[in-house]
Amino acid sequence: MFLKQEYEEVGFEIEMAFRDWIENMNKEKPYRAIFNAEILEIRPVAYAALRIGL
């Protein structure tokens, strides 16, 4: 997931993306539903500068 480093609501945005991913996985594979999943820790693993342009 790519986010701005200075972004204040990083934890909230990550949790929302995680819940959306779980919901999509449960719809795609109801026979392998995910229950009781939670984020225990959020920590950055890498920092990068991406230049987008022509």
C-alpha atoms as a PDB file:
ATOM      1  CA  MET A   1       0.000   0.000   0.000  1.00  0.00           C
ATOM      2  CA  PHE A   2       1.412   3.408  -0.944  1.00  0.00           C
ATOM      3  CA  LEU A   3       0.616   6.297   1.393  1.00  0.00           C
ATOM      4  CA  LYS A   4       2.002   9.727   2.134  1.00  0.00           C
ATOM      5  CA  GLN A   5       4.424   9.606   5.024  1.00  0.00           C
ATOM      6  CA  GLU A   6       3.032  12.765   6.652  1.00  0.00           C
ATOM      7  CA  TYR A   7      -0.566  11.582   6.386  1.00  0.00           C
ATOM      8  CA  GLU A   8      -2.312  11.817   9.790  1.00  0.00           C
ATOM      9  CA  GLU A   9      -4.930   9.093   9.305  1.00  0.00           C
ATOM     10  CA  VAL A  10      -2.606   6.369   8.045  1.00  0.00           C
ATOM     11  CA  GLY A  11      -3.811   3.781  10.562  1.00  0.00           C
ATOM     12  CA  PHE A  12      -7.457   4.427   9.736  1.00  0.00           C
ATOM     13  CA  GLU A  13      -6.858   4.203   5.982  1.00  0.00           C
ATOM     14  CA  ILE A  14      -4.891   0.962   6.338  1.00  0.00           C
ATOM     15  CA  GLU A  15      -7.609  -0.561   8.511  1.00  0.00           C
ATOM     16  CA  MET A  16     -10.314   0.403   5.987  1.00  0.00           C
ATOM     17  CA  ALA A  17      -8.299  -1.109   3.118  1.00  0.00           C
ATOM     18  CA  PHE A  18      -7.753  -4.282   5.177  1.00  0.00           C
ATOM     19  CA  ARG A  19     -11.486  -4.603   5.935  1.00  0.00           C
ATOM     20  CA  ASP A  20     -12.322  -4.054   2.241  1.00  0.00           C
ATOM     21  CA  TRP A  21      -9.818  -6.755   1.269  1.00  0.00           C
ATOM     22  CA  ILE A  22     -11.356  -9.205   3.777  1.00  0.00           C
ATOM     23  CA  GLU A  23     -14.860  -8.432   2.505  1.00  0.00           C
ATOM     24  CA  ASN A  24     -13.791  -9.016  -1.112  1.00  0.00           C
ATOM     25  CA  MET A  25     -12.006 -12.267  -0.252  1.00  0.00           C
ATOM     26  CA  ASN A  26     -15.055 -13.546   1.637  1.00  0.00           C
ATOM     27  CA  LYS A  27     -17.264 -12.773  -1.374  1.00  0.00           C
ATOM     28  CA  GLU A  28     -14.878 -14.474  -3.811  1.00  0.00           C
ATOM     29  CA  LYS A  29     -14.215 -17.536  -1.655  1.00  0.00           C
ATOM     30  CA  PRO A  30     -17.040 -18.041   0.864  1.00  0.00           C
ATOM     31  CA  TYR A  31     -15.778 -21.573   1.532  1.00  0.00           C
ATOM     32  CA  ARG A  32     -12.532 -20.048   2.890  1.00  0.00           C
ATOM     33  CA  ALA A  33     -14.010 -17.108   4.768  1.00  0.00           C
ATOM     34  CA  ILE A  34     -11.757 -14.990   6.958  1.00  0.00           C
ATOM     35  CA  PHE A  35     -12.988 -14.345  10.515  1.00  0.00           C
ATOM     36  CA  ASN A  36     -11.493 -12.558  13.519  1.00  0.00           C
ATOM     37  CA  ALA A  37      -8.685 -10.934  11.554  1.00  0.00           C
ATOM     38  CA  GLU A  38      -7.153  -7.822  13.036  1.00  0.00           C
ATOM     39  CA  ILE A  39      -4.134  -5.615  12.559  1.00  0.00           C
ATOM     40  CA  LEU A  40      -1.738  -5.965  15.466  1.00  0.00           C
ATOM     41  CA  GLU A  41       0.929  -3.510  14.359  1.00  0.00           C
ATOM     42  CA  ILE A  42       1.460  -0.985  11.604  1.00  0.00           C
ATOM     43  CA  ARG A  43       5.008  -0.080  10.718  1.00  0.00           C
ATOM     44  CA  PRO A  44       6.568   1.172   7.511  1.00  0.00           C
ATOM     45  CA  VAL A  45       8.858  -1.210   5.685  1.00  0.00           C
ATOM     46  CA  ALA A  46      10.198   1.070   3.010  1.00  0.00           C
ATOM     47  CA  TYR A  47      10.278   4.662   1.910  1.00  0.00           C
ATOM     48  CA  ALA A  48      10.293   5.628  -1.749  1.00  0.00           C
ATOM     49  CA  ALA A  49       9.907   8.620  -4.017  1.00  0.00           C
ATOM     50  CA  LEU A  50       7.874   7.883  -7.124  1.00  0.00           C
ATOM     51  CA  ARG A  51       8.046  10.252 -10.044  1.00  0.00           C
ATOM     52  CA  ILE A  52       5.042  10.096 -12.303  1.00  0.00           C
ATOM     53  CA  GLY A  53       5.220  11.962 -15.580  1.00  0.00           C
ATOM     54  CA  LEU A  54       6.163  11.847 -19.190  1.00  0.00           C
END
